[in-house]
Amino acid sequence: NKKPLMPCSEKRARLLLSRGRAVVHLMTPFTIRLKDRVAG
């Protein structure tokens, strides 16, 4: 629901995107949005 979480490393972001758990939300600054998390 577009609430901020802790930033992650580039490697972890690549894994989340490749496994379909996240989508690209913004290219610059690069931001991903998780599909299965609502809090943290």
PDB file of all heavy atoms in Angstrom:
ATOM      1  N   ASN A   1       0.820  -1.215   0.000  1.00  0.00           N
ATOM      2  CA  ASN A   1       0.000   0.000   0.000  1.00  0.00           C
ATOM      3  C   ASN A   1       0.857   1.269   0.000  1.00  0.00           C
ATOM      4  O   ASN A   1       0.447   2.318   0.488  1.00  0.00           O
ATOM      5  CB  ASN A   1      -0.961   0.012   1.186  1.00  0.00           C
ATOM      6  CG  ASN A   1      -0.240  -0.263   2.498  1.00  0.00           C
ATOM      7  OD1 ASN A   1       0.982  -0.393   2.532  1.00  0.00           O
ATOM      8  ND2 ASN A   1      -0.990  -0.324   3.580  1.00  0.00           N
ATOM      9  N   LYS A   2       2.086   1.164  -0.531  1.00  0.00           N
ATOM     10  CA  LYS A   2       2.991   2.298  -0.796  1.00  0.00           C
ATOM     11  C   LYS A   2       3.492   3.003   0.469  1.00  0.00           C
ATOM     12  O   LYS A   2       3.777   4.196   0.459  1.00  0.00           O
ATOM     13  CB  LYS A   2       2.316   3.316  -1.718  1.00  0.00           C
ATOM     14  CG  LYS A   2       1.929   2.743  -3.066  1.00  0.00           C
ATOM     15  CD  LYS A   2       1.306   3.791  -3.956  1.00  0.00           C
ATOM     16  CE  LYS A   2       0.869   3.188  -5.289  1.00  0.00           C
ATOM     17  NZ  LYS A   2       0.233   4.187  -6.177  1.00  0.00           N
ATOM     18  N   LYS A   3       3.639   2.271   1.557  1.00  0.00           N
ATOM     19  CA  LYS A   3       4.248   2.805   2.772  1.00  0.00           C
ATOM     20  C   LYS A   3       5.740   2.456   2.757  1.00  0.00           C
ATOM     21  O   LYS A   3       6.120   1.359   2.329  1.00  0.00           O
ATOM     22  CB  LYS A   3       3.586   2.220   4.018  1.00  0.00           C
ATOM     23  CG  LYS A   3       2.097   2.536   4.133  1.00  0.00           C
ATOM     24  CD  LYS A   3       1.859   4.024   4.269  1.00  0.00           C
ATOM     25  CE  LYS A   3       0.364   4.335   4.410  1.00  0.00           C
ATOM     26  NZ  LYS A   3       0.111   5.787   4.472  1.00  0.00           N
ATOM     27  N   PRO A   4       6.607   3.342   3.242  1.00  0.00           N
ATOM     28  CA  PRO A   4       8.050   3.083   3.149  1.00  0.00           C
ATOM     29  C   PRO A   4       8.535   2.008   4.116  1.00  0.00           C
ATOM     30  O   PRO A   4       8.089   1.939   5.270  1.00  0.00           O
ATOM     31  CB  PRO A   4       8.673   4.449   3.497  1.00  0.00           C
ATOM     32  CG  PRO A   4       7.637   5.150   4.313  1.00  0.00           C
ATOM     33  CD  PRO A   4       6.321   4.677   3.800  1.00  0.00           C
ATOM     34  N   LEU A   5       9.435   1.173   3.631  1.00  0.00           N
ATOM     35  CA  LEU A   5      10.139   0.191   4.448  1.00  0.00           C
ATOM     36  C   LEU A   5      11.630   0.532   4.433  1.00  0.00           C
ATOM     37  O   LEU A   5      12.052   1.492   3.782  1.00  0.00           O
ATOM     38  CB  LEU A   5       9.914  -1.218   3.899  1.00  0.00           C
ATOM     39  CG  LEU A   5       8.513  -1.813   4.046  1.00  0.00           C
ATOM     40  CD1 LEU A   5       8.431  -3.143   3.314  1.00  0.00           C
ATOM     41  CD2 LEU A   5       8.150  -1.991   5.513  1.00  0.00           C
ATOM     42  N   MET A   6      12.436  -0.258   5.104  1.00  0.00           N
ATOM     43  CA  MET A   6      13.876  -0.029   5.115  1.00  0.00           C
ATOM     44  C   MET A   6      14.462  -0.292   3.728  1.00  0.00           C
ATOM     45  O   MET A   6      14.109  -1.281   3.074  1.00  0.00           O
ATOM     46  CB  MET A   6      14.558  -0.946   6.135  1.00  0.00           C
ATOM     47  CG  MET A   6      14.241  -0.596   7.580  1.00  0.00           C
ATOM     48  SD  MET A   6      14.715   1.082   8.003  1.00  0.00           S
ATOM     49  CE  MET A   6      16.483   1.000   7.769  1.00  0.00           C
ATOM     50  N   PRO A   7      15.339   0.581   3.227  1.00  0.00           N
ATOM     51  CA  PRO A   7      15.995   0.331   1.933  1.00  0.00           C
ATOM     52  C   PRO A   7      16.794  -0.967   1.967  1.00  0.00           C
ATOM     53  O   PRO A   7      17.286  -1.388   3.027  1.00  0.00           O
ATOM     54  CB  PRO A   7      16.913   1.545   1.771  1.00  0.00           C
ATOM     55  CG  PRO A   7      16.299   2.610   2.626  1.00  0.00           C
ATOM     56  CD  PRO A   7      15.706   1.879   3.800  1.00  0.00           C
ATOM     57  N   CYS A   8      16.923  -1.610   0.822  1.00  0.00           N
ATOM     58  CA  CYS A   8      17.649  -2.875   0.740  1.00  0.00           C
ATOM     59  C   CYS A   8      18.807  -2.735  -0.242  1.00  0.00           C
ATOM     60  O   CYS A   8      18.955  -1.719  -0.925  1.00  0.00           O
ATOM     61  CB  CYS A   8      16.714  -4.003   0.307  1.00  0.00           C
ATOM     62  SG  CYS A   8      16.142  -3.868  -1.408  1.00  0.00           S
ATOM     63  N   SER A   9      19.621  -3.768  -0.330  1.00  0.00           N
ATOM     64  CA  SER A   9      20.763  -3.760  -1.247  1.00  0.00           C
ATOM     65  C   SER A   9      20.288  -4.015  -2.679  1.00  0.00           C
ATOM     66  O   SER A   9      19.171  -4.503  -2.905  1.00  0.00           O
ATOM     67  CB  SER A   9      21.768  -4.833  -0.843  1.00  0.00           C
ATOM     68  OG  SER A   9      21.198  -6.122  -0.985  1.00  0.00           O
ATOM     69  N   GLU A  10      21.157  -3.721  -3.633  1.00  0.00           N
ATOM     70  CA  GLU A  10      20.816  -3.947  -5.034  1.00  0.00           C
ATOM     71  C   GLU A  10      20.622  -5.434  -5.323  1.00  0.00           C
ATOM     72  O   GLU A  10      19.749  -5.822  -6.107  1.00  0.00           O
ATOM     73  CB  GLU A  10      21.912  -3.373  -5.921  1.00  0.00           C
ATOM     74  CG  GLU A  10      22.039  -1.861  -5.834  1.00  0.00           C
ATOM     75  CD  GLU A  10      23.204  -1.333  -6.633  1.00  0.00           C
ATOM     76  OE1 GLU A  10      24.036  -2.152  -7.094  1.00  0.00           O
ATOM     77  OE2 GLU A  10      23.300  -0.110  -6.801  1.00  0.00           O
ATOM     78  N   LYS A  11      21.428  -6.274  -4.682  1.00  0.00           N
ATOM     79  CA  LYS A  11      21.322  -7.717  -4.899  1.00  0.00           C
ATOM     80  C   LYS A  11      19.973  -8.244  -4.435  1.00  0.00           C
ATOM     81  O   LYS A  11      19.310  -9.011  -5.145  1.00  0.00           O
ATOM     82  CB  LYS A  11      22.448  -8.423  -4.154  1.00  0.00           C
ATOM     83  CG  LYS A  11      22.432  -9.927  -4.315  1.00  0.00           C
ATOM     84  CD  LYS A  11      23.572 -10.583  -3.560  1.00  0.00           C
ATOM     85  CE  LYS A  11      23.523 -12.102  -3.688  1.00  0.00           C
ATOM     86  NZ  LYS A  11      24.636 -12.747  -2.947  1.00  0.00           N
ATOM     87  N   ARG A  12      19.543  -7.809  -3.256  1.00  0.00           N
ATOM     88  CA  ARG A  12      18.254  -8.276  -2.740  1.00  0.00           C
ATOM     89  C   ARG A  12      17.097  -7.772  -3.610  1.00  0.00           C
ATOM     90  O   ARG A  12      16.135  -8.495  -3.873  1.00  0.00           O
ATOM     91  CB  ARG A  12      18.068  -7.795  -1.299  1.00  0.00           C
ATOM     92  CG  ARG A  12      16.764  -8.289  -0.664  1.00  0.00           C
ATOM     93  CD  ARG A  12      16.762  -8.088   0.832  1.00  0.00           C
ATOM     94  NE  ARG A  12      15.487  -8.499   1.419  1.00  0.00           N
ATOM     95  CZ  ARG A  12      15.139  -9.747   1.665  1.00  0.00           C
ATOM     96  NH1 ARG A  12      15.963 -10.736   1.343  1.00  0.00           N
ATOM     97  NH2 ARG A  12      13.976 -10.036   2.209  1.00  0.00           N
ATOM     98  N   ALA A  13      17.200  -6.531  -4.084  1.00  0.00           N
ATOM     99  CA  ALA A  13      16.152  -5.988  -4.953  1.00  0.00           C
ATOM    100  C   ALA A  13      16.075  -6.791  -6.251  1.00  0.00           C
ATOM    101  O   ALA A  13      14.973  -7.071  -6.759  1.00  0.00           O
ATOM    102  CB  ALA A  13      16.443  -4.521  -5.246  1.00  0.00           C
ATOM    103  N   ARG A  14      17.235  -7.199  -6.784  1.00  0.00           N
ATOM    104  CA  ARG A  14      17.265  -7.984  -8.014  1.00  0.00           C
ATOM    105  C   ARG A  14      16.581  -9.341  -7.803  1.00  0.00           C
ATOM    106  O   ARG A  14      15.831  -9.810  -8.663  1.00  0.00           O
ATOM    107  CB  ARG A  14      18.718  -8.178  -8.459  1.00  0.00           C
ATOM    108  CG  ARG A  14      18.862  -8.671  -9.893  1.00  0.00           C
ATOM    109  CD  ARG A  14      20.317  -8.857 -10.269  1.00  0.00           C
ATOM    110  NE  ARG A  14      21.083  -7.638 -10.106  1.00  0.00           N
ATOM    111  CZ  ARG A  14      22.047  -7.465  -9.207  1.00  0.00           C
ATOM    112  NH1 ARG A  14      22.381  -8.459  -8.393  1.00  0.00           N
ATOM    113  NH2 ARG A  14      22.694  -6.328  -9.125  1.00  0.00           N
ATOM    114  N   LEU A  15      16.829  -9.948  -6.653  1.00  0.00           N
ATOM    115  CA  LEU A  15      16.195 -11.235  -6.350  1.00  0.00           C
ATOM    116  C   LEU A  15      14.683 -11.101  -6.204  1.00  0.00           C
ATOM    117  O   LEU A  15      13.912 -11.934  -6.707  1.00  0.00           O
ATOM    118  CB  LEU A  15      16.798 -11.817  -5.068  1.00  0.00           C
ATOM    119  CG  LEU A  15      18.240 -12.336  -5.167  1.00  0.00           C
ATOM    120  CD1 LEU A  15      18.759 -12.719  -3.787  1.00  0.00           C
ATOM    121  CD2 LEU A  15      18.316 -13.525  -6.114  1.00  0.00           C
ATOM    122  N   LEU A  16      14.247 -10.036  -5.506  1.00  0.00           N
ATOM    123  CA  LEU A  16      12.805  -9.832  -5.318  1.00  0.00           C
ATOM    124  C   LEU A  16      12.105  -9.603  -6.646  1.00  0.00           C
ATOM    125  O   LEU A  16      10.992 -10.103  -6.878  1.00  0.00           O
ATOM    126  CB  LEU A  16      12.580  -8.636  -4.379  1.00  0.00           C
ATOM    127  CG  LEU A  16      12.966  -8.836  -2.913  1.00  0.00           C
ATOM    128  CD1 LEU A  16      12.910  -7.509  -2.160  1.00  0.00           C
ATOM    129  CD2 LEU A  16      12.034  -9.846  -2.242  1.00  0.00           C
ATOM    130  N   LEU A  17      12.742  -8.880  -7.546  1.00  0.00           N
ATOM    131  CA  LEU A  17      12.138  -8.622  -8.854  1.00  0.00           C
ATOM    132  C   LEU A  17      12.114  -9.882  -9.723  1.00  0.00           C
ATOM    133  O   LEU A  17      11.119 -10.174 -10.396  1.00  0.00           O
ATOM    134  CB  LEU A  17      12.912  -7.509  -9.569  1.00  0.00           C
ATOM    135  CG  LEU A  17      12.776  -6.099  -8.985  1.00  0.00           C
ATOM    136  CD1 LEU A  17      13.773  -5.158  -9.642  1.00  0.00           C
ATOM    137  CD2 LEU A  17      11.358  -5.570  -9.167  1.00  0.00           C
ATOM    138  N   SER A  18      13.201 -10.655  -9.695  1.00  0.00           N
ATOM    139  CA  SER A  18      13.282 -11.857 -10.533  1.00  0.00           C
ATOM    140  C   SER A  18      12.316 -12.941 -10.057  1.00  0.00           C
ATOM    141  O   SER A  18      11.823 -13.733 -10.869  1.00  0.00           O
ATOM    142  CB  SER A  18      14.718 -12.397 -10.536  1.00  0.00           C
ATOM    143  OG  SER A  18      15.114 -12.788  -9.234  1.00  0.00           O
ATOM    144  N   ARG A  19      12.036 -12.969  -8.751  1.00  0.00           N
ATOM    145  CA  ARG A  19      11.121 -13.989  -8.211  1.00  0.00           C
ATOM    146  C   ARG A  19       9.669 -13.541  -8.249  1.00  0.00           C
ATOM    147  O   ARG A  19       8.777 -14.273  -7.776  1.00  0.00           O
ATOM    148  CB  ARG A  19      11.523 -14.331  -6.781  1.00  0.00           C
ATOM    149  CG  ARG A  19      12.872 -15.030  -6.693  1.00  0.00           C
ATOM    150  CD  ARG A  19      13.335 -15.178  -5.269  1.00  0.00           C
ATOM    151  NE  ARG A  19      14.658 -15.812  -5.203  1.00  0.00           N
ATOM    152  CZ  ARG A  19      15.361 -15.968  -4.078  1.00  0.00           C
ATOM    153  NH1 ARG A  19      14.872 -15.523  -2.922  1.00  0.00           N
ATOM    154  NH2 ARG A  19      16.533 -16.556  -4.121  1.00  0.00           N
ATOM    155  N   GLY A  20       9.406 -12.343  -8.758  1.00  0.00           N
ATOM    156  CA  GLY A  20       8.031 -11.872  -8.885  1.00  0.00           C
ATOM    157  C   GLY A  20       7.423 -11.374  -7.598  1.00  0.00           C
ATOM    158  O   GLY A  20       6.197 -11.180  -7.524  1.00  0.00           O
ATOM    159  N   ARG A  21       8.231 -11.142  -6.575  1.00  0.00           N
ATOM    160  CA  ARG A  21       7.705 -10.660  -5.294  1.00  0.00           C
ATOM    161  C   ARG A  21       7.607  -9.142  -5.253  1.00  0.00           C
ATOM    162  O   ARG A  21       7.036  -8.575  -4.314  1.00  0.00           O
ATOM    163  CB  ARG A  21       8.593 -11.137  -4.152  1.00  0.00           C
ATOM    164  CG  ARG A  21       8.573 -12.636  -3.925  1.00  0.00           C
ATOM    165  CD  ARG A  21       9.383 -12.988  -2.696  1.00  0.00           C
ATOM    166  NE  ARG A  21       8.938 -12.250  -1.528  1.00  0.00           N
ATOM    167  CZ  ARG A  21       9.637 -12.132  -0.402  1.00  0.00           C
ATOM    168  NH1 ARG A  21      10.841 -12.692  -0.320  1.00  0.00           N
ATOM    169  NH2 ARG A  21       9.164 -11.448   0.617  1.00  0.00           N
ATOM    170  N   ALA A  22       8.178  -8.449  -6.246  1.00  0.00           N
ATOM    171  CA  ALA A  22       8.170  -6.987  -6.257  1.00  0.00           C
ATOM    172  C   ALA A  22       8.086  -6.488  -7.693  1.00  0.00           C
ATOM    173  O   ALA A  22       8.383  -7.212  -8.648  1.00  0.00           O
ATOM    174  CB  ALA A  22       9.424  -6.439  -5.569  1.00  0.00           C
ATOM    175  N   VAL A  23       7.681  -5.231  -7.824  1.00  0.00           N
ATOM    176  CA  VAL A  23       7.649  -4.560  -9.125  1.00  0.00           C
ATOM    177  C   VAL A  23       8.394  -3.237  -8.995  1.00  0.00           C
ATOM    178  O   VAL A  23       8.581  -2.712  -7.892  1.00  0.00           O
ATOM    179  CB  VAL A  23       6.198  -4.302  -9.594  1.00  0.00           C
ATOM    180  CG1 VAL A  23       5.478  -5.602  -9.857  1.00  0.00           C
ATOM    181  CG2 VAL A  23       5.448  -3.448  -8.573  1.00  0.00           C
ATOM    182  N   VAL A  24       8.829  -2.710 -10.143  1.00  0.00           N
ATOM    183  CA  VAL A  24       9.516  -1.420 -10.131  1.00  0.00           C
ATOM    184  C   VAL A  24       8.476  -0.315  -9.948  1.00  0.00           C
ATOM    185  O   VAL A  24       7.532  -0.185 -10.733  1.00  0.00           O
ATOM    186  CB  VAL A  24      10.301  -1.193 -11.441  1.00  0.00           C
ATOM    187  CG1 VAL A  24      10.918   0.202 -11.450  1.00  0.00           C
ATOM    188  CG2 VAL A  24      11.376  -2.259 -11.596  1.00  0.00           C
ATOM    189  N   HIS A  25       8.655   0.475  -8.915  1.00  0.00           N
ATOM    190  CA  HIS A  25       7.739   1.574  -8.621  1.00  0.00           C
ATOM    191  C   HIS A  25       8.241   2.885  -9.209  1.00  0.00           C
ATOM    192  O   HIS A  25       7.460   3.699  -9.717  1.00  0.00           O
ATOM    193  CB  HIS A  25       7.573   1.720  -7.102  1.00  0.00           C
ATOM    194  CG  HIS A  25       6.677   2.852  -6.694  1.00  0.00           C
ATOM    195  ND1 HIS A  25       5.306   2.764  -6.761  1.00  0.00           N
ATOM    196  CD2 HIS A  25       6.959   4.107  -6.231  1.00  0.00           C
ATOM    197  CE1 HIS A  25       4.773   3.903  -6.347  1.00  0.00           C
ATOM    198  NE2 HIS A  25       5.758   4.741  -6.022  1.00  0.00           N
ATOM    199  N   LEU A  26       9.550   3.098  -9.170  1.00  0.00           N
ATOM    200  CA  LEU A  26      10.152   4.345  -9.646  1.00  0.00           C
ATOM    201  C   LEU A  26      11.554   4.032 -10.150  1.00  0.00           C
ATOM    202  O   LEU A  26      12.306   3.295  -9.500  1.00  0.00           O
ATOM    203  CB  LEU A  26      10.205   5.360  -8.499  1.00  0.00           C
ATOM    204  CG  LEU A  26      10.387   6.836  -8.834  1.00  0.00           C
ATOM    205  CD1 LEU A  26       9.210   7.355  -9.656  1.00  0.00           C
ATOM    206  CD2 LEU A  26      10.524   7.657  -7.554  1.00  0.00           C
ATOM    207  N   MET A  27      11.918   4.616 -11.297  1.00  0.00           N
ATOM    208  CA  MET A  27      13.238   4.347 -11.862  1.00  0.00           C
ATOM    209  C   MET A  27      14.330   5.182 -11.198  1.00  0.00           C
ATOM    210  O   MET A  27      15.418   4.696 -10.936  1.00  0.00           O
ATOM    211  CB  MET A  27      13.214   4.618 -13.366  1.00  0.00           C
ATOM    212  CG  MET A  27      12.457   3.574 -14.173  1.00  0.00           C
ATOM    213  SD  MET A  27      13.190   1.925 -14.070  1.00  0.00           S
ATOM    214  CE  MET A  27      14.781   2.194 -14.839  1.00  0.00           C
ATOM    215  N   THR A  28      14.047   6.482 -10.951  1.00  0.00           N
ATOM    216  CA  THR A  28      15.034   7.370 -10.339  1.00  0.00           C
ATOM    217  C   THR A  28      14.345   8.248  -9.310  1.00  0.00           C
ATOM    218  O   THR A  28      13.431   9.003  -9.671  1.00  0.00           O
ATOM    219  CB  THR A  28      15.699   8.277 -11.397  1.00  0.00           C
ATOM    220  OG1 THR A  28      16.177   7.480 -12.479  1.00  0.00           O
ATOM    221  CG2 THR A  28      16.838   9.048 -10.797  1.00  0.00           C
ATOM    222  N   PRO A  29      14.777   8.160  -8.031  1.00  0.00           N
ATOM    223  CA  PRO A  29      15.675   7.152  -7.473  1.00  0.00           C
ATOM    224  C   PRO A  29      15.010   5.780  -7.494  1.00  0.00           C
ATOM    225  O   PRO A  29      13.793   5.688  -7.302  1.00  0.00           O
ATOM    226  CB  PRO A  29      15.898   7.646  -6.048  1.00  0.00           C
ATOM    227  CG  PRO A  29      14.723   8.492  -5.735  1.00  0.00           C
ATOM    228  CD  PRO A  29      14.289   9.121  -7.006  1.00  0.00           C
ATOM    229  N   PHE A  30      15.811   4.745  -7.764  1.00  0.00           N
ATOM    230  CA  PHE A  30      15.258   3.417  -8.011  1.00  0.00           C
ATOM    231  C   PHE A  30      14.523   2.904  -6.777  1.00  0.00           C
ATOM    232  O   PHE A  30      15.074   2.841  -5.677  1.00  0.00           O
ATOM    233  CB  PHE A  30      16.365   2.441  -8.392  1.00  0.00           C
ATOM    234  CG  PHE A  30      15.833   1.162  -8.953  1.00  0.00           C
ATOM    235  CD1 PHE A  30      15.247   1.122 -10.209  1.00  0.00           C
ATOM    236  CD2 PHE A  30      15.894  -0.014  -8.225  1.00  0.00           C
ATOM    237  CE1 PHE A  30      14.741  -0.052 -10.740  1.00  0.00           C
ATOM    238  CE2 PHE A  30      15.387  -1.195  -8.739  1.00  0.00           C
ATOM    239  CZ  PHE A  30      14.813  -1.209 -10.006  1.00  0.00           C
ATOM    240  N   THR A  31      13.233   2.552  -6.987  1.00  0.00           N
ATOM    241  CA  THR A  31      12.354   2.138  -5.887  1.00  0.00           C
ATOM    242  C   THR A  31      11.539   0.937  -6.348  1.00  0.00           C
ATOM    243  O   THR A  31      11.030   0.917  -7.475  1.00  0.00           O
ATOM    244  CB  THR A  31      11.402   3.285  -5.495  1.00  0.00           C
ATOM    245  OG1 THR A  31      12.159   4.470  -5.240  1.00  0.00           O
ATOM    246  CG2 THR A  31      10.607   2.924  -4.245  1.00  0.00           C
ATOM    247  N   ILE A  32      11.421  -0.051  -5.475  1.00  0.00           N
ATOM    248  CA  ILE A  32      10.581  -1.210  -5.770  1.00  0.00           C
ATOM    249  C   ILE A  32       9.408  -1.255  -4.800  1.00  0.00           C
ATOM    250  O   ILE A  32       9.473  -0.687  -3.697  1.00  0.00           O
ATOM    251  CB  ILE A  32      11.380  -2.532  -5.694  1.00  0.00           C
ATOM    252  CG1 ILE A  32      11.929  -2.754  -4.269  1.00  0.00           C
ATOM    253  CG2 ILE A  32      12.501  -2.546  -6.720  1.00  0.00           C
ATOM    254  CD1 ILE A  32      12.593  -4.112  -4.069  1.00  0.00           C
ATOM    255  N   ARG A  33       8.334  -1.914  -5.226  1.00  0.00           N
ATOM    256  CA  ARG A  33       7.152  -2.073  -4.374  1.00  0.00           C
ATOM    257  C   ARG A  33       6.853  -3.550  -4.214  1.00  0.00           C
ATOM    258  O   ARG A  33       6.715  -4.281  -5.210  1.00  0.00           O
ATOM    259  CB  ARG A  33       5.959  -1.345  -4.999  1.00  0.00           C
ATOM    260  CG  ARG A  33       4.727  -1.317  -4.088  1.00  0.00           C
ATOM    261  CD  ARG A  33       3.614  -0.452  -4.654  1.00  0.00           C
ATOM    262  NE  ARG A  33       2.959  -1.083  -5.796  1.00  0.00           N
ATOM    263  CZ  ARG A  33       3.064  -0.663  -7.040  1.00  0.00           C
ATOM    264  NH1 ARG A  33       3.816   0.381  -7.328  1.00  0.00           N
ATOM    265  NH2 ARG A  33       2.424  -1.286  -8.023  1.00  0.00           N
ATOM    266  N   LEU A  34       6.781  -3.999  -2.970  1.00  0.00           N
ATOM    267  CA  LEU A  34       6.528  -5.405  -2.673  1.00  0.00           C
ATOM    268  C   LEU A  34       5.062  -5.756  -2.900  1.00  0.00           C
ATOM    269  O   LEU A  34       4.166  -4.935  -2.676  1.00  0.00           O
ATOM    270  CB  LEU A  34       6.909  -5.717  -1.229  1.00  0.00           C
ATOM    271  CG  LEU A  34       8.380  -5.478  -0.847  1.00  0.00           C
ATOM    272  CD1 LEU A  34       8.592  -5.785   0.624  1.00  0.00           C
ATOM    273  CD2 LEU A  34       9.313  -6.322  -1.706  1.00  0.00           C
ATOM    274  N   LYS A  35       4.812  -6.984  -3.331  1.00  0.00           N
ATOM    275  CA  LYS A  35       3.447  -7.448  -3.594  1.00  0.00           C
ATOM    276  C   LYS A  35       2.805  -8.130  -2.390  1.00  0.00           C
ATOM    277  O   LYS A  35       1.572  -8.255  -2.329  1.00  0.00           O
ATOM    278  CB  LYS A  35       3.450  -8.439  -4.767  1.00  0.00           C
ATOM    279  CG  LYS A  35       3.860  -7.836  -6.100  1.00  0.00           C
ATOM    280  CD  LYS A  35       3.797  -8.897  -7.186  1.00  0.00           C
ATOM    281  CE  LYS A  35       4.124  -8.334  -8.556  1.00  0.00           C
ATOM    282  NZ  LYS A  35       4.049  -9.385  -9.608  1.00  0.00           N
ATOM    283  N   ASP A  36       3.649  -8.572  -1.441  1.00  0.00           N
ATOM    284  CA  ASP A  36       3.117  -9.426  -0.367  1.00  0.00           C
ATOM    285  C   ASP A  36       3.386  -8.875   1.031  1.00  0.00           C
ATOM    286  O   ASP A  36       3.289  -9.608   2.016  1.00  0.00           O
ATOM    287  CB  ASP A  36       3.714 -10.827  -0.478  1.00  0.00           C
ATOM    288  CG  ASP A  36       5.246 -10.786  -0.516  1.00  0.00           C
ATOM    289  OD1 ASP A  36       5.807  -9.668  -0.484  1.00  0.00           O
ATOM    290  OD2 ASP A  36       5.861 -11.862  -0.586  1.00  0.00           O
ATOM    291  N   ARG A  37       3.741  -7.608   1.145  1.00  0.00           N
ATOM    292  CA  ARG A  37       4.021  -7.027   2.470  1.00  0.00           C
ATOM    293  C   ARG A  37       3.197  -5.765   2.649  1.00  0.00           C
ATOM    294  O   ARG A  37       3.108  -4.923   1.756  1.00  0.00           O
ATOM    295  CB  ARG A  37       5.508  -6.645   2.582  1.00  0.00           C
ATOM    296  CG  ARG A  37       6.472  -7.823   2.618  1.00  0.00           C
ATOM    297  CD  ARG A  37       6.614  -8.407   4.012  1.00  0.00           C
ATOM    298  NE  ARG A  37       7.147  -7.482   4.974  1.00  0.00           N
ATOM    299  CZ  ARG A  37       8.443  -7.247   5.177  1.00  0.00           C
ATOM    300  NH1 ARG A  37       9.348  -7.874   4.431  1.00  0.00           N
ATOM    301  NH2 ARG A  37       8.832  -6.410   6.092  1.00  0.00           N
ATOM    302  N   VAL A  38       2.612  -5.606   3.835  1.00  0.00           N
ATOM    303  CA  VAL A  38       1.840  -4.397   4.158  1.00  0.00           C
ATOM    304  C   VAL A  38       2.423  -3.667   5.357  1.00  0.00           C
ATOM    305  O   VAL A  38       1.973  -2.570   5.706  1.00  0.00           O
ATOM    306  CB  VAL A  38       0.359  -4.728   4.427  1.00  0.00           C
ATOM    307  CG1 VAL A  38      -0.323  -5.207   3.156  1.00  0.00           C
ATOM    308  CG2 VAL A  38       0.223  -5.754   5.551  1.00  0.00           C
ATOM    309  N   ALA A  39       3.433  -4.241   6.007  1.00  0.00           N
ATOM    310  CA  ALA A  39       4.051  -3.597   7.173  1.00  0.00           C
ATOM    311  C   ALA A  39       5.427  -4.206   7.386  1.00  0.00           C
ATOM    312  O   ALA A  39       5.785  -5.222   6.781  1.00  0.00           O
ATOM    313  CB  ALA A  39       3.173  -3.770   8.413  1.00  0.00           C
ATOM    314  N   GLY A  40       6.199  -3.580   8.264  1.00  0.00           N
ATOM    315  CA  GLY A  40       7.532  -4.080   8.565  1.00  0.00           C
ATOM    316  C   GLY A  40       8.178  -3.250   9.657  1.00  0.00           C
ATOM    317  O   GLY A  40       7.752  -2.127   9.954  1.00  0.00           O
TER     318      GLY A  40
END
